[in-house]
């Protein structure tokens, strides 16, 4: 078969279809990395509290196994 190109009509679908999934994958990967960093930071904060409540949180205070 012989394909004839018409002058002046460029078709960029092959570029758009190829780059759209790459861009979406890059965005999703970036969000994943940010969430993992935030999650790890939060775990470290909770593990380093030594039983203290986070700043701004209110709740019962415990001393010598008796909570009020």
PDB file of N, CA and C in Angstrom:
ATOM      1  N   UNK A   1       0.826  -1.174   0.000  1.00  0.00           N
ATOM      2  CA  UNK A   1       0.000   0.000   0.000  1.00  0.00           C
ATOM      3  C   UNK A   1       0.875   1.244   0.000  1.00  0.00           C
ATOM      4  N   UNK A   2       0.435   2.252  -0.676  1.00  0.00           N
ATOM      5  CA  UNK A   2       1.166   3.502  -0.750  1.00  0.00           C
ATOM      6  C   UNK A   2       0.370   4.565   0.000  1.00  0.00           C
ATOM      7  N   UNK A   3       1.048   5.209   0.951  1.00  0.00           N
ATOM      8  CA  UNK A   3       0.403   6.284   1.712  1.00  0.00           C
ATOM      9  C   UNK A   3       0.845   7.622   1.151  1.00  0.00           C
ATOM     10  N   UNK A   4      -0.115   8.482   0.945  1.00  0.00           N
ATOM     11  CA  UNK A   4       0.172   9.808   0.411  1.00  0.00           C
ATOM     12  C   UNK A   4      -0.140  10.830   1.497  1.00  0.00           C
ATOM     13  N   UNK A   5       0.854  11.652   1.826  1.00  0.00           N
ATOM     14  CA  UNK A   5       0.649  12.706   2.820  1.00  0.00           C
ATOM     15  C   UNK A   5       0.199  13.972   2.137  1.00  0.00           C
ATOM     16  N   UNK A   6      -0.789  14.576   2.707  1.00  0.00           N
ATOM     17  CA  UNK A   6      -1.231  15.865   2.201  1.00  0.00           C
ATOM     18  C   UNK A   6      -0.378  16.951   2.832  1.00  0.00           C
ATOM     19  N   UNK A   7       0.084  17.853   2.048  1.00  0.00           N
ATOM     20  CA  UNK A   7       0.940  18.919   2.556  1.00  0.00           C
ATOM     21  C   UNK A   7       0.135  19.856   3.445  1.00  0.00           C
ATOM     22  N   UNK A   8       0.693  20.197   4.599  1.00  0.00           N
ATOM     23  CA  UNK A   8       0.052  21.166   5.477  1.00  0.00           C
ATOM     24  C   UNK A   8      -0.826  20.578   6.555  1.00  0.00           C
ATOM     25  N   UNK A   9      -1.123  19.311   6.508  1.00  0.00           N
ATOM     26  CA  UNK A   9      -1.943  18.707   7.562  1.00  0.00           C
ATOM     27  C   UNK A   9      -1.071  17.776   8.385  1.00  0.00           C
ATOM     28  N   UNK A  10      -0.594  18.291   9.492  1.00  0.00           N
ATOM     29  CA  UNK A  10       0.250  17.502  10.390  1.00  0.00           C
ATOM     30  C   UNK A  10      -0.622  16.825  11.436  1.00  0.00           C
ATOM     31  N   UNK A  11      -0.326  15.600  11.742  1.00  0.00           N
ATOM     32  CA  UNK A  11      -1.079  14.857  12.742  1.00  0.00           C
ATOM     33  C   UNK A  11      -0.155  14.585  13.931  1.00  0.00           C
ATOM     34  N   UNK A  12      -0.484  15.156  15.091  1.00  0.00           N
ATOM     35  CA  UNK A  12       0.356  15.027  16.279  1.00  0.00           C
ATOM     36  C   UNK A  12      -0.229  14.058  17.291  1.00  0.00           C
ATOM     37  N   UNK A  13      -1.196  13.261  16.910  1.00  0.00           N
ATOM     38  CA  UNK A  13      -1.812  12.326  17.849  1.00  0.00           C
ATOM     39  C   UNK A  13      -0.810  11.315  18.391  1.00  0.00           C
ATOM     40  N   UNK A  14       0.125  10.889  17.586  1.00  0.00           N
ATOM     41  CA  UNK A  14       1.110   9.914  18.063  1.00  0.00           C
ATOM     42  C   UNK A  14       1.981  10.493  19.171  1.00  0.00           C
ATOM     43  N   UNK A  15       2.211  11.790  19.158  1.00  0.00           N
ATOM     44  CA  UNK A  15       2.998  12.432  20.212  1.00  0.00           C
ATOM     45  C   UNK A  15       2.135  12.644  21.456  1.00  0.00           C
ATOM     46  N   UNK A  16       0.919  13.117  21.266  1.00  0.00           N
ATOM     47  CA  UNK A  16       0.032  13.401  22.395  1.00  0.00           C
ATOM     48  C   UNK A  16      -0.325  12.115  23.129  1.00  0.00           C
ATOM     49  N   UNK A  17      -0.641  11.069  22.386  1.00  0.00           N
ATOM     50  CA  UNK A  17      -1.015   9.795  23.002  1.00  0.00           C
ATOM     51  C   UNK A  17       0.167   9.198  23.764  1.00  0.00           C
ATOM     52  N   UNK A  18       1.379   9.447  23.318  1.00  0.00           N
ATOM     53  CA  UNK A  18       2.561   8.907  23.998  1.00  0.00           C
ATOM     54  C   UNK A  18       2.923   9.708  25.243  1.00  0.00           C
ATOM     55  N   UNK A  19       2.773  11.006  25.202  1.00  0.00           N
ATOM     56  CA  UNK A  19       3.216  11.833  26.329  1.00  0.00           C
ATOM     57  C   UNK A  19       2.191  11.941  27.445  1.00  0.00           C
ATOM     58  N   UNK A  20       0.919  11.769  27.164  1.00  0.00           N
ATOM     59  CA  UNK A  20      -0.104  11.890  28.204  1.00  0.00           C
ATOM     60  C   UNK A  20       0.075  10.857  29.314  1.00  0.00           C
ATOM     61  N   UNK A  21       0.265   9.572  29.023  1.00  0.00           N
ATOM     62  CA  UNK A  21       0.476   8.608  30.117  1.00  0.00           C
ATOM     63  C   UNK A  21       1.783   8.842  30.869  1.00  0.00           C
ATOM     64  N   UNK A  22       2.801   9.315  30.169  1.00  0.00           N
ATOM     65  CA  UNK A  22       4.076   9.598  30.840  1.00  0.00           C
ATOM     66  C   UNK A  22       3.903  10.742  31.828  1.00  0.00           C
ATOM     67  N   UNK A  23       3.207  11.785  31.433  1.00  0.00           N
ATOM     68  CA  UNK A  23       2.975  12.921  32.324  1.00  0.00           C
ATOM     69  C   UNK A  23       2.121  12.509  33.518  1.00  0.00           C
ATOM     70  N   UNK A  24       1.080  11.728  33.280  1.00  0.00           N
ATOM     71  CA  UNK A  24       0.222  11.276  34.381  1.00  0.00           C
ATOM     72  C   UNK A  24       0.998  10.391  35.350  1.00  0.00           C
ATOM     73  N   UNK A  25       1.850   9.525  34.822  1.00  0.00           N
ATOM     74  CA  UNK A  25       2.660   8.658  35.679  1.00  0.00           C
ATOM     75  C   UNK A  25       3.625   9.483  36.526  1.00  0.00           C
ATOM     76  N   UNK A  26       4.219  10.502  35.941  1.00  0.00           N
ATOM     77  CA  UNK A  26       5.146  11.362  36.683  1.00  0.00           C
ATOM     78  C   UNK A  26       4.426  12.095  37.820  1.00  0.00           C
ATOM     79  N   UNK A  27       3.221  12.577  37.556  1.00  0.00           N
ATOM     80  CA  UNK A  27       2.450  13.279  38.589  1.00  0.00           C
ATOM     81  C   UNK A  27       2.074  12.319  39.715  1.00  0.00           C
ATOM     82  N   UNK A  28       1.607  11.134  39.371  1.00  0.00           N
ATOM     83  CA  UNK A  28       1.227  10.151  40.398  1.00  0.00           C
ATOM     84  C   UNK A  28       2.436   9.719  41.219  1.00  0.00           C
ATOM     85  N   UNK A  29       3.573   9.528  40.575  1.00  0.00           N
ATOM     86  CA  UNK A  29       4.779   9.150  41.301  1.00  0.00           C
ATOM     87  C   UNK A  29       5.209  10.263  42.254  1.00  0.00           C
ATOM     88  N   UNK A  30       5.115  11.504  41.815  1.00  0.00           N
ATOM     89  CA  UNK A  30       5.451  12.635  42.681  1.00  0.00           C
ATOM     90  C   UNK A  30       4.549  12.709  43.893  1.00  0.00           C
ATOM     91  N   UNK A  31       3.257  12.506  43.693  1.00  0.00           N
ATOM     92  CA  UNK A  31       2.325  12.499  44.827  1.00  0.00           C
ATOM     93  C   UNK A  31       2.632  11.355  45.778  1.00  0.00           C
ATOM     94  N   UNK A  32       2.980  10.192  45.236  1.00  0.00           N
ATOM     95  CA  UNK A  32       3.326   9.035  46.072  1.00  0.00           C
ATOM     96  C   UNK A  32       4.544   9.349  46.927  1.00  0.00           C
ATOM     97  N   UNK A  33       5.557   9.940  46.337  1.00  0.00           N
ATOM     98  CA  UNK A  33       6.779  10.269  47.090  1.00  0.00           C
ATOM     99  C   UNK A  33       6.465  11.265  48.198  1.00  0.00           C
ATOM    100  N   UNK A  34       5.659  12.285  47.898  1.00  0.00           N
ATOM    101  CA  UNK A  34       5.309  13.269  48.923  1.00  0.00           C
ATOM    102  C   UNK A  34       4.519  12.644  50.071  1.00  0.00           C
ATOM    103  N   UNK A  35       3.590  11.755  49.751  1.00  0.00           N
ATOM    104  CA  UNK A  35       2.791  11.114  50.793  1.00  0.00           C
ATOM    105  C   UNK A  35       3.650  10.201  51.666  1.00  0.00           C
ATOM    106  N   UNK A  36       4.583   9.484  51.064  1.00  0.00           N
ATOM    107  CA  UNK A  36       5.463   8.602  51.835  1.00  0.00           C
ATOM    108  C   UNK A  36       6.328   9.430  52.780  1.00  0.00           C
ATOM    109  N   UNK A  37       6.862  10.559  52.298  1.00  0.00           N
ATOM    110  CA  UNK A  37       7.678  11.421  53.162  1.00  0.00           C
ATOM    111  C   UNK A  37       6.856  11.948  54.342  1.00  0.00           C
ATOM    112  N   UNK A  38       5.638  12.395  54.045  1.00  0.00           N
ATOM    113  CA  UNK A  38       4.775  12.937  55.095  1.00  0.00           C
ATOM    114  C   UNK A  38       4.411  11.847  56.097  1.00  0.00           C
ATOM    115  N   UNK A  39       4.111  10.657  55.603  1.00  0.00           N
ATOM    116  CA  UNK A  39       3.734   9.543  56.467  1.00  0.00           C
ATOM    117  C   UNK A  39       4.899   9.122  57.363  1.00  0.00           C
ATOM    118  N   UNK A  40       6.093   9.046  56.803  1.00  0.00           N
ATOM    119  CA  UNK A  40       7.268   8.676  57.604  1.00  0.00           C
ATOM    120  C   UNK A  40       7.559   9.728  58.668  1.00  0.00           C
ATOM    121  N   UNK A  41       7.408  10.998  58.302  1.00  0.00           N
ATOM    122  CA  UNK A  41       7.634  12.075  59.274  1.00  0.00           C
ATOM    123  C   UNK A  41       6.629  11.978  60.414  1.00  0.00           C
ATOM    124  N   UNK A  42       5.386  11.690  60.091  1.00  0.00           N
ATOM    125  CA  UNK A  42       4.343  11.579  61.122  1.00  0.00           C
ATOM    126  C   UNK A  42       4.616  10.400  62.051  1.00  0.00           C
ATOM    127  N   UNK A  43       5.067   9.280  61.499  1.00  0.00           N
ATOM    128  CA  UNK A  43       5.400   8.120  62.335  1.00  0.00           C
ATOM    129  C   UNK A  43       6.530   8.468  63.288  1.00  0.00           C
ATOM    130  N   UNK A  44       7.547   9.171  62.793  1.00  0.00           N
ATOM    131  CA  UNK A  44       8.661   9.568  63.667  1.00  0.00           C
ATOM    132  C   UNK A  44       8.179  10.504  64.773  1.00  0.00           C
ATOM    133  N   UNK A  45       7.284  11.421  64.447  1.00  0.00           N
ATOM    134  CA  UNK A  45       6.747  12.325  65.465  1.00  0.00           C
ATOM    135  C   UNK A  45       5.998  11.545  66.543  1.00  0.00           C
ATOM    136  N   UNK A  46       5.179  10.606  66.117  1.00  0.00           N
ATOM    137  CA  UNK A  46       4.397   9.839  67.093  1.00  0.00           C
ATOM    138  C   UNK A  46       5.285   8.950  67.944  1.00  0.00           C
ATOM    139  N   UNK A  47       6.340   8.388  67.377  1.00  0.00           N
ATOM    140  CA  UNK A  47       7.220   7.506  68.133  1.00  0.00           C
ATOM    141  C   UNK A  47       8.108   8.283  69.092  1.00  0.00           C
ATOM    142  N   UNK A  48       8.359   9.556  68.809  1.00  0.00           N
ATOM    143  CA  UNK A  48       9.255  10.333  69.666  1.00  0.00           C
ATOM    144  C   UNK A  48       8.504  11.126  70.732  1.00  0.00           C
ATOM    145  N   UNK A  49       7.204  10.920  70.868  1.00  0.00           N
ATOM    146  CA  UNK A  49       6.426  11.708  71.822  1.00  0.00           C
ATOM    147  C   UNK A  49       6.583  11.230  73.259  1.00  0.00           C
ATOM    148  N   UNK A  50       6.962  10.008  73.477  1.00  0.00           N
ATOM    149  CA  UNK A  50       7.103   9.457  74.829  1.00  0.00           C
ATOM    150  C   UNK A  50       5.809   9.582  75.624  1.00  0.00           C
ATOM    151  N   UNK A  51       4.695   9.344  75.000  1.00  0.00           N
ATOM    152  CA  UNK A  51       3.415   9.374  75.693  1.00  0.00           C
ATOM    153  C   UNK A  51       2.781  10.736  75.776  1.00  0.00           C
ATOM    154  N   UNK A  52       3.439  11.759  75.247  1.00  0.00           N
ATOM    155  CA  UNK A  52       2.860  13.102  75.275  1.00  0.00           C
ATOM    156  C   UNK A  52       1.851  13.255  74.152  1.00  0.00           C
ATOM    157  N   UNK A  53       0.873  14.129  74.362  1.00  0.00           N
ATOM    158  CA  UNK A  53      -0.093  14.435  73.312  1.00  0.00           C
ATOM    159  C   UNK A  53       0.529  15.421  72.345  1.00  0.00           C
ATOM    160  N   UNK A  54       0.164  15.364  71.060  1.00  0.00           N
ATOM    161  CA  UNK A  54       0.676  16.345  70.102  1.00  0.00           C
ATOM    162  C   UNK A  54       0.230  17.748  70.483  1.00  0.00           C
ATOM    163  N   UNK A  55       0.983  18.735  70.065  1.00  0.00           N
ATOM    164  CA  UNK A  55       0.626  20.113  70.398  1.00  0.00           C
ATOM    165  C   UNK A  55      -0.720  20.453  69.776  1.00  0.00           C
ATOM    166  N   UNK A  56      -1.564  21.091  70.546  1.00  0.00           N
ATOM    167  CA  UNK A  56      -2.886  21.467  70.078  1.00  0.00           C
ATOM    168  C   UNK A  56      -3.938  20.406  70.332  1.00  0.00           C
ATOM    169  N   UNK A  57      -3.558  19.222  70.761  1.00  0.00           N
ATOM    170  CA  UNK A  57      -4.532  18.160  71.019  1.00  0.00           C
ATOM    171  C   UNK A  57      -4.945  18.222  72.483  1.00  0.00           C
ATOM    172  N   UNK A  58      -6.176  17.882  72.733  1.00  0.00           N
ATOM    173  CA  UNK A  58      -6.647  17.840  74.115  1.00  0.00           C
ATOM    174  C   UNK A  58      -7.194  16.454  74.395  1.00  0.00           C
ATOM    175  N   UNK A  59      -7.020  16.040  75.594  1.00  0.00           N
ATOM    176  CA  UNK A  59      -7.494  14.714  75.971  1.00  0.00           C
ATOM    177  C   UNK A  59      -7.170  14.461  77.412  1.00  0.00           C
ATOM    178  N   UNK A  60      -7.405  13.247  77.887  1.00  0.00           N
ATOM    179  CA  UNK A  60      -7.124  12.944  79.292  1.00  0.00           C
ATOM    180  C   UNK A  60      -5.616  12.951  79.557  1.00  0.00           C
ATOM    181  N   UNK A  61      -5.257  13.417  80.749  1.00  0.00           N
ATOM    182  CA  UNK A  61      -3.856  13.383  81.152  1.00  0.00           C
ATOM    183  C   UNK A  61      -3.665  12.221  82.102  1.00  0.00           C
ATOM    184  N   UNK A  62      -2.634  11.439  81.884  1.00  0.00           N
ATOM    185  CA  UNK A  62      -2.389  10.251  82.694  1.00  0.00           C
ATOM    186  C   UNK A  62      -1.100  10.423  83.500  1.00  0.00           C
ATOM    187  N   UNK A  63      -1.177  10.095  84.781  1.00  0.00           N
ATOM    188  CA  UNK A  63       0.007  10.061  85.621  1.00  0.00           C
ATOM    189  C   UNK A  63      -0.153   8.906  86.604  1.00  0.00           C
ATOM    190  N   UNK A  64       0.830   8.071  86.684  1.00  0.00           N
ATOM    191  CA  UNK A  64       0.824   6.902  87.573  1.00  0.00           C
ATOM    192  C   UNK A  64      -0.408   6.029  87.331  1.00  0.00           C
ATOM    193  N   UNK A  65      -0.721   5.767  86.110  1.00  0.00           N
ATOM    194  CA  UNK A  65      -1.796   4.863  85.705  1.00  0.00           C
ATOM    195  C   UNK A  65      -3.194   5.362  86.060  1.00  0.00           C
ATOM    196  N   UNK A  66      -3.342   6.606  86.476  1.00  0.00           N
ATOM    197  CA  UNK A  66      -4.691   7.129  86.745  1.00  0.00           C
ATOM    198  C   UNK A  66      -4.950   8.283  85.790  1.00  0.00           C
ATOM    199  N   UNK A  67      -5.957   8.132  84.990  1.00  0.00           N
ATOM    200  CA  UNK A  67      -6.275   9.163  83.989  1.00  0.00           C
ATOM    201  C   UNK A  67      -7.427  10.015  84.497  1.00  0.00           C
ATOM    202  N   UNK A  68      -7.345  11.299  84.220  1.00  0.00           N
ATOM    203  CA  UNK A  68      -8.422  12.203  84.623  1.00  0.00           C
ATOM    204  C   UNK A  68      -9.061  12.812  83.401  1.00  0.00           C
TER     205      UNK A  68
END
